Amino acid sequence: MAADIDRTLAALADPVRRQAIDALRQGPRRPAELAAAFKVSAPVMSKHLRVLRKSRLVEEVPVEDDARMRLYRLRPEPFDDLGAWLEQVQTFWSDQLGAFKDHVARRQRSRR
């Protein structure tokens, strides 16, 4: 799971790829639509989509009427894994802050 999260975070490190993810949250999109929306060339967007595809964040969706057309959509699994990891980190910090609060309260009581 750690390698998957590393791959996800590396893919999301680029602002254009994060913007593409945001756009794909609204539904599948063609690469040309994404390129135009973010004012990048088609080859540049293709490279970004390749990274997102290799990291398993997006997948190609077949189009019935036109085999040449490609659509991309989000895959939920990598985001679920990332969310679970972030929840573990948040739990750690909540526990740490709770322990610190308890420590401060004990010290205040012992000073009285």
PDB file of N, CA and C in Angstrom:
ATOM      1  N   MET A   1       0.828  -1.197   0.000  1.00  0.00           N
ATOM      2  CA  MET A   1       0.000   0.000   0.000  1.00  0.00           C
ATOM      3  C   MET A   1       0.869   1.257   0.000  1.00  0.00           C
ATOM      4  N   ALA A   2       2.026   1.206   0.648  1.00  0.00           N
ATOM      5  CA  ALA A   2       2.898   2.379   0.707  1.00  0.00           C
ATOM      6  C   ALA A   2       3.364   2.786  -0.683  1.00  0.00           C
ATOM      7  N   ALA A   3       3.689   1.809  -1.525  1.00  0.00           N
ATOM      8  CA  ALA A   3       4.135   2.126  -2.887  1.00  0.00           C
ATOM      9  C   ALA A   3       3.006   2.781  -3.675  1.00  0.00           C
ATOM     10  N   ASP A   4       1.775   2.320  -3.467  1.00  0.00           N
ATOM     11  CA  ASP A   4       0.625   2.923  -4.154  1.00  0.00           C
ATOM     12  C   ASP A   4       0.426   4.370  -3.719  1.00  0.00           C
ATOM     13  N   ILE A   5       0.555   4.629  -2.436  1.00  0.00           N
ATOM     14  CA  ILE A   5       0.396   5.996  -1.932  1.00  0.00           C
ATOM     15  C   ILE A   5       1.521   6.883  -2.446  1.00  0.00           C
ATOM     16  N   ASP A   6       2.742   6.343  -2.479  1.00  0.00           N
ATOM     17  CA  ASP A   6       3.859   7.108  -3.032  1.00  0.00           C
ATOM     18  C   ASP A   6       3.585   7.490  -4.483  1.00  0.00           C
ATOM     19  N   ARG A   7       3.096   6.541  -5.249  1.00  0.00           N
ATOM     20  CA  ARG A   7       2.787   6.779  -6.665  1.00  0.00           C
ATOM     21  C   ARG A   7       1.669   7.814  -6.795  1.00  0.00           C
ATOM     22  N   THR A   8       0.672   7.733  -5.942  1.00  0.00           N
ATOM     23  CA  THR A   8      -0.439   8.689  -5.968  1.00  0.00           C
ATOM     24  C   THR A   8       0.053  10.095  -5.636  1.00  0.00           C
ATOM     25  N   LEU A   9       0.824  10.219  -4.569  1.00  0.00           N
ATOM     26  CA  LEU A   9       1.321  11.536  -4.180  1.00  0.00           C
ATOM     27  C   LEU A   9       2.251  12.122  -5.227  1.00  0.00           C
ATOM     28  N   ALA A  10       3.083  11.294  -5.836  1.00  0.00           N
ATOM     29  CA  ALA A  10       3.982  11.778  -6.894  1.00  0.00           C
ATOM     30  C   ALA A  10       3.173  12.286  -8.080  1.00  0.00           C
ATOM     31  N   ALA A  11       2.125  11.568  -8.434  1.00  0.00           N
ATOM     32  CA  ALA A  11       1.288  11.999  -9.566  1.00  0.00           C
ATOM     33  C   ALA A  11       0.557  13.294  -9.244  1.00  0.00           C
ATOM     34  N   LEU A  12       0.136  13.460  -8.001  1.00  0.00           N
ATOM     35  CA  LEU A  12      -0.616  14.650  -7.606  1.00  0.00           C
ATOM     36  C   LEU A  12       0.280  15.851  -7.313  1.00  0.00           C
ATOM     37  N   ALA A  13       1.590  15.661  -7.374  1.00  0.00           N
ATOM     38  CA  ALA A  13       2.513  16.759  -7.076  1.00  0.00           C
ATOM     39  C   ALA A  13       2.471  17.861  -8.125  1.00  0.00           C
ATOM     40  N   ASP A  14       2.045  17.541  -9.322  1.00  0.00           N
ATOM     41  CA  ASP A  14       2.012  18.527 -10.397  1.00  0.00           C
ATOM     42  C   ASP A  14       0.665  19.258 -10.411  1.00  0.00           C
ATOM     43  N   PRO A  15       0.680  20.595 -10.479  1.00  0.00           N
ATOM     44  CA  PRO A  15      -0.585  21.345 -10.456  1.00  0.00           C
ATOM     45  C   PRO A  15      -1.504  21.063 -11.644  1.00  0.00           C
ATOM     46  N   VAL A  16      -0.946  20.805 -12.816  1.00  0.00           N
ATOM     47  CA  VAL A  16      -1.799  20.506 -13.981  1.00  0.00           C
ATOM     48  C   VAL A  16      -2.519  19.185 -13.763  1.00  0.00           C
ATOM     49  N   ARG A  17      -1.823  18.217 -13.202  1.00  0.00           N
ATOM     50  CA  ARG A  17      -2.474  16.927 -12.944  1.00  0.00           C
ATOM     51  C   ARG A  17      -3.551  17.060 -11.876  1.00  0.00           C
ATOM     52  N   ARG A  18      -3.306  17.882 -10.852  1.00  0.00           N
ATOM     53  CA  ARG A  18      -4.361  18.109  -9.848  1.00  0.00           C
ATOM     54  C   ARG A  18      -5.563  18.796 -10.475  1.00  0.00           C
ATOM     55  N   GLN A  19      -5.321  19.741 -11.372  1.00  0.00           N
ATOM     56  CA  GLN A  19      -6.432  20.408 -12.060  1.00  0.00           C
ATOM     57  C   GLN A  19      -7.204  19.410 -12.918  1.00  0.00           C
ATOM     58  N   ALA A  20      -6.486  18.516 -13.578  1.00  0.00           N
ATOM     59  CA  ALA A  20      -7.152  17.490 -14.385  1.00  0.00           C
ATOM     60  C   ALA A  20      -8.021  16.599 -13.503  1.00  0.00           C
ATOM     61  N   ILE A  21      -7.495  16.234 -12.333  1.00  0.00           N
ATOM     62  CA  ILE A  21      -8.284  15.422 -11.393  1.00  0.00           C
ATOM     63  C   ILE A  21      -9.542  16.181 -10.989  1.00  0.00           C
ATOM     64  N   ASP A  22      -9.397  17.464 -10.695  1.00  0.00           N
ATOM     65  CA  ASP A  22     -10.568  18.270 -10.323  1.00  0.00           C
ATOM     66  C   ASP A  22     -11.589  18.302 -11.447  1.00  0.00           C
ATOM     67  N   ALA A  23     -11.127  18.458 -12.675  1.00  0.00           N
ATOM     68  CA  ALA A  23     -12.052  18.482 -13.816  1.00  0.00           C
ATOM     69  C   ALA A  23     -12.731  17.132 -13.999  1.00  0.00           C
ATOM     70  N   LEU A  24     -11.995  16.052 -13.790  1.00  0.00           N
ATOM     71  CA  LEU A  24     -12.560  14.714 -13.971  1.00  0.00           C
ATOM     72  C   LEU A  24     -13.541  14.337 -12.865  1.00  0.00           C
ATOM     73  N   ARG A  25     -13.518  15.075 -11.769  1.00  0.00           N
ATOM     74  CA  ARG A  25     -14.524  14.820 -10.718  1.00  0.00           C
ATOM     75  C   ARG A  25     -15.927  15.114 -11.231  1.00  0.00           C
ATOM     76  N   GLN A  26     -16.021  15.959 -12.231  1.00  0.00           N
ATOM     77  CA  GLN A  26     -17.329  16.312 -12.796  1.00  0.00           C
ATOM     78  C   GLN A  26     -17.779  15.314 -13.857  1.00  0.00           C
ATOM     79  N   GLY A  27     -16.908  14.393 -14.229  1.00  0.00           N
ATOM     80  CA  GLY A  27     -17.273  13.373 -15.205  1.00  0.00           C
ATOM     81  C   GLY A  27     -16.153  13.149 -16.200  1.00  0.00           C
ATOM     82  N   PRO A  28     -16.282  12.089 -17.003  1.00  0.00           N
ATOM     83  CA  PRO A  28     -15.247  11.766 -17.988  1.00  0.00           C
ATOM     84  C   PRO A  28     -15.025  12.920 -18.971  1.00  0.00           C
ATOM     85  N   ARG A  29     -13.776  13.053 -19.401  1.00  0.00           N
ATOM     86  CA  ARG A  29     -13.401  14.127 -20.327  1.00  0.00           C
ATOM     87  C   ARG A  29     -12.449  13.574 -21.387  1.00  0.00           C
ATOM     88  N   ARG A  30     -12.474  14.221 -22.539  1.00  0.00           N
ATOM     89  CA  ARG A  30     -11.514  13.916 -23.600  1.00  0.00           C
ATOM     90  C   ARG A  30     -10.214  14.651 -23.296  1.00  0.00           C
ATOM     91  N   PRO A  31      -9.081  14.090 -23.712  1.00  0.00           N
ATOM     92  CA  PRO A  31      -7.801  14.774 -23.492  1.00  0.00           C
ATOM     93  C   PRO A  31      -7.781  16.188 -24.070  1.00  0.00           C
ATOM     94  N   ALA A  32      -8.392  16.366 -25.240  1.00  0.00           N
ATOM     95  CA  ALA A  32      -8.404  17.697 -25.866  1.00  0.00           C
ATOM     96  C   ALA A  32      -9.163  18.706 -25.007  1.00  0.00           C
ATOM     97  N   GLU A  33     -10.234  18.265 -24.376  1.00  0.00           N
ATOM     98  CA  GLU A  33     -10.988  19.158 -23.483  1.00  0.00           C
ATOM     99  C   GLU A  33     -10.126  19.601 -22.308  1.00  0.00           C
ATOM    100  N   LEU A  34      -9.396  18.651 -21.743  1.00  0.00           N
ATOM    101  CA  LEU A  34      -8.540  18.966 -20.603  1.00  0.00           C
ATOM    102  C   LEU A  34      -7.409  19.902 -21.017  1.00  0.00           C
ATOM    103  N   ALA A  35      -6.809  19.625 -22.175  1.00  0.00           N
ATOM    104  CA  ALA A  35      -5.715  20.473 -22.658  1.00  0.00           C
ATOM    105  C   ALA A  35      -6.200  21.901 -22.863  1.00  0.00           C
ATOM    106  N   ALA A  36      -7.360  22.057 -23.481  1.00  0.00           N
ATOM    107  CA  ALA A  36      -7.899  23.399 -23.730  1.00  0.00           C
ATOM    108  C   ALA A  36      -8.249  24.109 -22.424  1.00  0.00           C
ATOM    109  N   ALA A  37      -8.799  23.371 -21.486  1.00  0.00           N
ATOM    110  CA  ALA A  37      -9.212  23.974 -20.209  1.00  0.00           C
ATOM    111  C   ALA A  37      -8.020  24.521 -19.433  1.00  0.00           C
ATOM    112  N   PHE A  38      -6.871  23.880 -19.560  1.00  0.00           N
ATOM    113  CA  PHE A  38      -5.712  24.289 -18.776  1.00  0.00           C
ATOM    114  C   PHE A  38      -4.634  24.952 -19.623  1.00  0.00           C
ATOM    115  N   LYS A  39      -4.996  25.238 -20.870  1.00  0.00           N
ATOM    116  CA  LYS A  39      -4.104  25.968 -21.776  1.00  0.00           C
ATOM    117  C   LYS A  39      -2.730  25.309 -21.898  1.00  0.00           C
ATOM    118  N   VAL A  40      -2.751  23.996 -22.116  1.00  0.00           N
ATOM    119  CA  VAL A  40      -1.530  23.256 -22.413  1.00  0.00           C
ATOM    120  C   VAL A  40      -1.732  22.546 -23.747  1.00  0.00           C
ATOM    121  N   SER A  41      -0.646  22.188 -24.382  1.00  0.00           N
ATOM    122  CA  SER A  41      -0.749  21.507 -25.676  1.00  0.00           C
ATOM    123  C   SER A  41      -1.247  20.071 -25.478  1.00  0.00           C
ATOM    124  N   ALA A  42      -1.746  19.499 -26.554  1.00  0.00           N
ATOM    125  CA  ALA A  42      -2.225  18.112 -26.503  1.00  0.00           C
ATOM    126  C   ALA A  42      -1.114  17.147 -26.088  1.00  0.00           C
ATOM    127  N   PRO A  43       0.121  17.284 -26.626  1.00  0.00           N
ATOM    128  CA  PRO A  43       1.182  16.371 -26.181  1.00  0.00           C
ATOM    129  C   PRO A  43       1.506  16.502 -24.687  1.00  0.00           C
ATOM    130  N   VAL A  44       1.481  17.724 -24.178  1.00  0.00           N
ATOM    131  CA  VAL A  44       1.739  17.926 -22.749  1.00  0.00           C
ATOM    132  C   VAL A  44       0.635  17.259 -21.924  1.00  0.00           C
ATOM    133  N   MET A  45      -0.613  17.448 -22.324  1.00  0.00           N
ATOM    134  CA  MET A  45      -1.708  16.816 -21.586  1.00  0.00           C
ATOM    135  C   MET A  45      -1.614  15.302 -21.686  1.00  0.00           C
ATOM    136  N   SER A  46      -1.209  14.793 -22.837  1.00  0.00           N
ATOM    137  CA  SER A  46      -1.048  13.344 -22.977  1.00  0.00           C
ATOM    138  C   SER A  46      -0.023  12.805 -21.984  1.00  0.00           C
ATOM    139  N   LYS A  47       1.065  13.535 -21.790  1.00  0.00           N
ATOM    140  CA  LYS A  47       2.081  13.108 -20.819  1.00  0.00           C
ATOM    141  C   LYS A  47       1.510  13.109 -19.402  1.00  0.00           C
ATOM    142  N   HIS A  48       0.748  14.141 -19.070  1.00  0.00           N
ATOM    143  CA  HIS A  48       0.134  14.196 -17.739  1.00  0.00           C
ATOM    144  C   HIS A  48      -0.857  13.051 -17.553  1.00  0.00           C
ATOM    145  N   LEU A  49      -1.653  12.786 -18.568  1.00  0.00           N
ATOM    146  CA  LEU A  49      -2.621  11.691 -18.466  1.00  0.00           C
ATOM    147  C   LEU A  49      -1.922  10.343 -18.364  1.00  0.00           C
ATOM    148  N   ARG A  50      -0.791  10.204 -19.031  1.00  0.00           N
ATOM    149  CA  ARG A  50      -0.025   8.960 -18.936  1.00  0.00           C
ATOM    150  C   ARG A  50       0.441   8.743 -17.489  1.00  0.00           C
ATOM    151  N   VAL A  51       0.925   9.802 -16.855  1.00  0.00           N
ATOM    152  CA  VAL A  51       1.351   9.695 -15.448  1.00  0.00           C
ATOM    153  C   VAL A  51       0.160   9.318 -14.567  1.00  0.00           C
ATOM    154  N   LEU A  52      -0.967   9.975 -14.782  1.00  0.00           N
ATOM    155  CA  LEU A  52      -2.168   9.682 -13.989  1.00  0.00           C
ATOM    156  C   LEU A  52      -2.652   8.258 -14.231  1.00  0.00           C
ATOM    157  N   ARG A  53      -2.534   7.790 -15.468  1.00  0.00           N
ATOM    158  CA  ARG A  53      -2.943   6.425 -15.791  1.00  0.00           C
ATOM    159  C   ARG A  53      -2.004   5.412 -15.137  1.00  0.00           C
ATOM    160  N   LYS A  54      -0.694   5.666 -15.204  1.00  0.00           N
ATOM    161  CA  LYS A  54       0.273   4.740 -14.598  1.00  0.00           C
ATOM    162  C   LYS A  54       0.126   4.692 -13.076  1.00  0.00           C
ATOM    163  N   SER A  55      -0.284   5.796 -12.493  1.00  0.00           N
ATOM    164  CA  SER A  55      -0.489   5.822 -11.043  1.00  0.00           C
ATOM    165  C   SER A  55      -1.862   5.264 -10.670  1.00  0.00           C
ATOM    166  N   ARG A  56      -2.632   4.886 -11.680  1.00  0.00           N
ATOM    167  CA  ARG A  56      -3.957   4.274 -11.522  1.00  0.00           C
ATOM    168  C   ARG A  56      -5.010   5.246 -10.993  1.00  0.00           C
ATOM    169  N   LEU A  57      -4.731   6.560 -11.086  1.00  0.00           N
ATOM    170  CA  LEU A  57      -5.718   7.548 -10.652  1.00  0.00           C
ATOM    171  C   LEU A  57      -6.834   7.729 -11.670  1.00  0.00           C
ATOM    172  N   VAL A  58      -6.513   7.517 -12.937  1.00  0.00           N
ATOM    173  CA  VAL A  58      -7.515   7.620 -13.999  1.00  0.00           C
ATOM    174  C   VAL A  58      -7.442   6.380 -14.875  1.00  0.00           C
ATOM    175  N   GLU A  59      -8.487   6.195 -15.647  1.00  0.00           N
ATOM    176  CA  GLU A  59      -8.515   5.102 -16.612  1.00  0.00           C
ATOM    177  C   GLU A  59      -9.194   5.581 -17.876  1.00  0.00           C
ATOM    178  N   GLU A  60      -8.873   4.915 -18.974  1.00  0.00           N
ATOM    179  CA  GLU A  60      -9.524   5.222 -20.239  1.00  0.00           C
ATOM    180  C   GLU A  60     -10.887   4.549 -20.267  1.00  0.00           C
ATOM    181  N   VAL A  61     -11.845   5.252 -20.841  1.00  0.00           N
ATOM    182  CA  VAL A  61     -13.192   4.731 -20.979  1.00  0.00           C
ATOM    183  C   VAL A  61     -13.446   4.524 -22.466  1.00  0.00           C
ATOM    184  N   PRO A  62     -13.828   3.328 -22.880  1.00  0.00           N
ATOM    185  CA  PRO A  62     -14.101   3.121 -24.305  1.00  0.00           C
ATOM    186  C   PRO A  62     -15.332   3.897 -24.757  1.00  0.00           C
ATOM    187  N   VAL A  63     -15.267   4.394 -25.982  1.00  0.00           N
ATOM    188  CA  VAL A  63     -16.393   5.099 -26.583  1.00  0.00           C
ATOM    189  C   VAL A  63     -16.946   4.192 -27.675  1.00  0.00           C
ATOM    190  N   GLU A  64     -18.207   3.847 -27.561  1.00  0.00           N
ATOM    191  CA  GLU A  64     -18.810   2.870 -28.474  1.00  0.00           C
ATOM    192  C   GLU A  64     -18.772   3.300 -29.933  1.00  0.00           C
ATOM    193  N   ASP A  65     -19.111   4.541 -30.210  1.00  0.00           N
ATOM    194  CA  ASP A  65     -19.272   4.992 -31.591  1.00  0.00           C
ATOM    195  C   ASP A  65     -17.971   5.305 -32.305  1.00  0.00           C
ATOM    196  N   ASP A  66     -16.894   5.568 -31.560  1.00  0.00           N
ATOM    197  CA  ASP A  66     -15.657   6.011 -32.172  1.00  0.00           C
ATOM    198  C   ASP A  66     -14.471   5.404 -31.434  1.00  0.00           C
ATOM    199  N   ALA A  67     -13.852   4.401 -32.047  1.00  0.00           N
ATOM    200  CA  ALA A  67     -12.732   3.716 -31.410  1.00  0.00           C
ATOM    201  C   ALA A  67     -11.509   4.618 -31.277  1.00  0.00           C
ATOM    202  N   ARG A  68     -11.449   5.682 -32.037  1.00  0.00           N
ATOM    203  CA  ARG A  68     -10.310   6.599 -31.961  1.00  0.00           C
ATOM    204  C   ARG A  68     -10.421   7.554 -30.777  1.00  0.00           C
ATOM    205  N   MET A  69     -11.626   7.810 -30.335  1.00  0.00           N
ATOM    206  CA  MET A  69     -11.843   8.765 -29.241  1.00  0.00           C
ATOM    207  C   MET A  69     -11.541   8.101 -27.909  1.00  0.00           C
ATOM    208  N   ARG A  70     -10.872   8.857 -27.063  1.00  0.00           N
ATOM    209  CA  ARG A  70     -10.586   8.381 -25.714  1.00  0.00           C
ATOM    210  C   ARG A  70     -11.207   9.334 -24.715  1.00  0.00           C
ATOM    211  N   LEU A  71     -11.770   8.765 -23.689  1.00  0.00           N
ATOM    212  CA  LEU A  71     -12.267   9.516 -22.546  1.00  0.00           C
ATOM    213  C   LEU A  71     -11.516   9.014 -21.322  1.00  0.00           C
ATOM    214  N   TYR A  72     -11.320   9.908 -20.382  1.00  0.00           N
ATOM    215  CA  TYR A  72     -10.675   9.537 -19.129  1.00  0.00           C
ATOM    216  C   TYR A  72     -11.631   9.802 -17.982  1.00  0.00           C
ATOM    217  N   ARG A  73     -11.573   8.913 -16.986  1.00  0.00           N
ATOM    218  CA  ARG A  73     -12.372   9.103 -15.782  1.00  0.00           C
ATOM    219  C   ARG A  73     -11.532   8.704 -14.573  1.00  0.00           C
ATOM    220  N   LEU A  74     -11.984   9.169 -13.426  1.00  0.00           N
ATOM    221  CA  LEU A  74     -11.282   8.865 -12.180  1.00  0.00           C
ATOM    222  C   LEU A  74     -11.531   7.430 -11.751  1.00  0.00           C
ATOM    223  N   ARG A  75     -10.549   6.881 -11.071  1.00  0.00           N
ATOM    224  CA  ARG A  75     -10.700   5.585 -10.420  1.00  0.00           C
ATOM    225  C   ARG A  75     -10.755   5.847  -8.918  1.00  0.00           C
ATOM    226  N   PRO A  76     -11.697   5.294  -8.191  1.00  0.00           N
ATOM    227  CA  PRO A  76     -11.839   5.621  -6.766  1.00  0.00           C
ATOM    228  C   PRO A  76     -10.814   4.971  -5.849  1.00  0.00           C
ATOM    229  N   GLU A  77     -10.277   3.815  -6.216  1.00  0.00           N
ATOM    230  CA  GLU A  77      -9.446   3.047  -5.295  1.00  0.00           C
ATOM    231  C   GLU A  77      -8.206   3.811  -4.780  1.00  0.00           C
ATOM    232  N   PRO A  78      -7.437   4.453  -5.649  1.00  0.00           N
ATOM    233  CA  PRO A  78      -6.264   5.163  -5.115  1.00  0.00           C
ATOM    234  C   PRO A  78      -6.638   6.292  -4.151  1.00  0.00           C
ATOM    235  N   PHE A  79      -7.768   6.932  -4.399  1.00  0.00           N
ATOM    236  CA  PHE A  79      -8.208   8.007  -3.506  1.00  0.00           C
ATOM    237  C   PHE A  79      -8.697   7.433  -2.180  1.00  0.00           C
ATOM    238  N   ASP A  80      -9.312   6.260  -2.231  1.00  0.00           N
ATOM    239  CA  ASP A  80      -9.721   5.582  -0.988  1.00  0.00           C
ATOM    240  C   ASP A  80      -8.491   5.238  -0.153  1.00  0.00           C
ATOM    241  N   ASP A  81      -7.455   4.697  -0.809  1.00  0.00           N
ATOM    242  CA  ASP A  81      -6.221   4.347  -0.100  1.00  0.00           C
ATOM    243  C   ASP A  81      -5.564   5.584   0.503  1.00  0.00           C
ATOM    244  N   LEU A  82      -5.524   6.658  -0.270  1.00  0.00           N
ATOM    245  CA  LEU A  82      -4.933   7.903   0.219  1.00  0.00           C
ATOM    246  C   LEU A  82      -5.730   8.447   1.405  1.00  0.00           C
ATOM    247  N   GLY A  83      -7.043   8.407   1.294  1.00  0.00           N
ATOM    248  CA  GLY A  83      -7.905   8.865   2.392  1.00  0.00           C
ATOM    249  C   GLY A  83      -7.692   8.047   3.654  1.00  0.00           C
ATOM    250  N   ALA A  84      -7.543   6.728   3.511  1.00  0.00           N
ATOM    251  CA  ALA A  84      -7.315   5.869   4.672  1.00  0.00           C
ATOM    252  C   ALA A  84      -5.976   6.197   5.328  1.00  0.00           C
ATOM    253  N   TRP A  85      -4.952   6.429   4.519  1.00  0.00           N
ATOM    254  CA  TRP A  85      -3.641   6.790   5.063  1.00  0.00           C
ATOM    255  C   TRP A  85      -3.706   8.136   5.781  1.00  0.00           C
ATOM    256  N   LEU A  86      -4.362   9.115   5.162  1.00  0.00           N
ATOM    257  CA  LEU A  86      -4.491  10.431   5.797  1.00  0.00           C
ATOM    258  C   LEU A  86      -5.264  10.335   7.103  1.00  0.00           C
ATOM    259  N   GLU A  87      -6.253   9.466   7.147  1.00  0.00           N
ATOM    260  CA  GLU A  87      -7.007   9.272   8.389  1.00  0.00           C
ATOM    261  C   GLU A  87      -6.115   8.704   9.494  1.00  0.00           C
ATOM    262  N   GLN A  88      -5.209   7.801   9.137  1.00  0.00           N
ATOM    263  CA  GLN A  88      -4.271   7.259  10.121  1.00  0.00           C
ATOM    264  C   GLN A  88      -3.349   8.353  10.657  1.00  0.00           C
ATOM    265  N   VAL A  89      -2.878   9.209   9.755  1.00  0.00           N
ATOM    266  CA  VAL A  89      -2.007  10.311  10.169  1.00  0.00           C
ATOM    267  C   VAL A  89      -2.781  11.261  11.084  1.00  0.00           C
ATOM    268  N   GLN A  90      -4.010  11.573  10.709  1.00  0.00           N
ATOM    269  CA  GLN A  90      -4.819  12.480  11.517  1.00  0.00           C
ATOM    270  C   GLN A  90      -5.101  11.871  12.895  1.00  0.00           C
ATOM    271  N   THR A  91      -5.371  10.587  12.938  1.00  0.00           N
ATOM    272  CA  THR A  91      -5.607   9.906  14.213  1.00  0.00           C
ATOM    273  C   THR A  91      -4.368   9.998  15.095  1.00  0.00           C
ATOM    274  N   PHE A  92      -3.187   9.796  14.503  1.00  0.00           N
ATOM    275  CA  PHE A  92      -1.942   9.913  15.250  1.00  0.00           C
ATOM    276  C   PHE A  92      -1.836  11.287  15.900  1.00  0.00           C
ATOM    277  N   TRP A  93      -2.059  12.343  15.107  1.00  0.00           N
ATOM    278  CA  TRP A  93      -1.918  13.700  15.644  1.00  0.00           C
ATOM    279  C   TRP A  93      -3.006  14.012  16.658  1.00  0.00           C
ATOM    280  N   SER A  94      -4.197  13.516  16.465  1.00  0.00           N
ATOM    281  CA  SER A  94      -5.265  13.717  17.452  1.00  0.00           C
ATOM    282  C   SER A  94      -4.894  13.050  18.771  1.00  0.00           C
ATOM    283  N   ASP A  95      -4.346  11.836  18.678  1.00  0.00           N
ATOM    284  CA  ASP A  95      -3.905  11.135  19.894  1.00  0.00           C
ATOM    285  C   ASP A  95      -2.783  11.904  20.586  1.00  0.00           C
ATOM    286  N   GLN A  96      -1.838  12.419  19.801  1.00  0.00           N
ATOM    287  CA  GLN A  96      -0.724  13.179  20.370  1.00  0.00           C
ATOM    288  C   GLN A  96      -1.231  14.439  21.075  1.00  0.00           C
ATOM    289  N   LEU A  97      -2.127  15.150  20.434  1.00  0.00           N
ATOM    290  CA  LEU A  97      -2.670  16.369  21.033  1.00  0.00           C
ATOM    291  C   LEU A  97      -3.504  16.058  22.272  1.00  0.00           C
ATOM    292  N   GLY A  98      -4.241  14.957  22.223  1.00  0.00           N
ATOM    293  CA  GLY A  98      -5.014  14.539  23.392  1.00  0.00           C
ATOM    294  C   GLY A  98      -4.105  14.199  24.559  1.00  0.00           C
ATOM    295  N   ALA A  99      -3.008  13.496  24.283  1.00  0.00           N
ATOM    296  CA  ALA A  99      -2.051  13.144  25.338  1.00  0.00           C
ATOM    297  C   ALA A  99      -1.405  14.401  25.908  1.00  0.00           C
ATOM    298  N   PHE A 100      -1.090  15.355  25.066  1.00  0.00           N
ATOM    299  CA  PHE A 100      -0.494  16.605  25.538  1.00  0.00           C
ATOM    300  C   PHE A 100      -1.485  17.371  26.411  1.00  0.00           C
ATOM    301  N   LYS A 101      -2.732  17.407  26.010  1.00  0.00           N
ATOM    302  CA  LYS A 101      -3.771  18.084  26.794  1.00  0.00           C
ATOM    303  C   LYS A 101      -3.897  17.431  28.167  1.00  0.00           C
ATOM    304  N   ASP A 102      -3.899  16.103  28.196  1.00  0.00           N
ATOM    305  CA  ASP A 102      -3.974  15.383  29.471  1.00  0.00           C
ATOM    306  C   ASP A 102      -2.755  15.691  30.340  1.00  0.00           C
ATOM    307  N   HIS A 103      -1.596  15.751  29.740  1.00  0.00           N
ATOM    308  CA  HIS A 103      -0.357  16.057  30.459  1.00  0.00           C
ATOM    309  C   HIS A 103      -0.436  17.452  31.096  1.00  0.00           C
ATOM    310  N   VAL A 104      -0.866  18.430  30.328  1.00  0.00           N
ATOM    311  CA  VAL A 104      -0.993  19.802  30.836  1.00  0.00           C
ATOM    312  C   VAL A 104      -2.000  19.847  31.982  1.00  0.00           C
ATOM    313  N   ALA A 105      -3.120  19.152  31.833  1.00  0.00           N
ATOM    314  CA  ALA A 105      -4.134  19.145  32.879  1.00  0.00           C
ATOM    315  C   ALA A 105      -3.589  18.511  34.169  1.00  0.00           C
ATOM    316  N   ARG A 106      -2.818  17.428  34.039  1.00  0.00           N
ATOM    317  CA  ARG A 106      -2.226  16.781  35.224  1.00  0.00           C
ATOM    318  C   ARG A 106      -1.225  17.709  35.918  1.00  0.00           C
ATOM    319  N   ARG A 107      -0.428  18.393  35.128  1.00  0.00           N
ATOM    320  CA  ARG A 107       0.554  19.332  35.707  1.00  0.00           C
ATOM    321  C   ARG A 107      -0.135  20.471  36.435  1.00  0.00           C
ATOM    322  N   GLN A 108      -1.236  20.974  35.845  1.00  0.00           N
ATOM    323  CA  GLN A 108      -1.960  22.069  36.498  1.00  0.00           C
ATOM    324  C   GLN A 108      -2.571  21.602  37.802  1.00  0.00           C
ATOM    325  N   ARG A 109      -3.104  20.383  37.826  1.00  0.00           N
ATOM    326  CA  ARG A 109      -3.697  19.846  39.058  1.00  0.00           C
ATOM    327  C   ARG A 109      -2.629  19.625  40.125  1.00  0.00           C
ATOM    328  N   SER A 110      -1.453  19.184  39.704  1.00  0.00           N
ATOM    329  CA  SER A 110      -0.396  18.904  40.690  1.00  0.00           C
ATOM    330  C   SER A 110       0.200  20.187  41.265  1.00  0.00           C
ATOM    331  N   ARG A 111       0.076  21.300  40.608  1.00  0.00           N
ATOM    332  CA  ARG A 111       0.586  22.584  41.094  1.00  0.00           C
ATOM    333  C   ARG A 111      -0.338  23.218  42.117  1.00  0.00           C
ATOM    334  N   ARG A 112      -1.556  22.774  42.170  1.00  0.00           N
ATOM    335  CA  ARG A 112      -2.540  23.370  43.092  1.00  0.00           C
ATOM    336  C   ARG A 112      -2.350  22.912  44.473  1.00  0.00           C
TER     337      ARG A 112
END
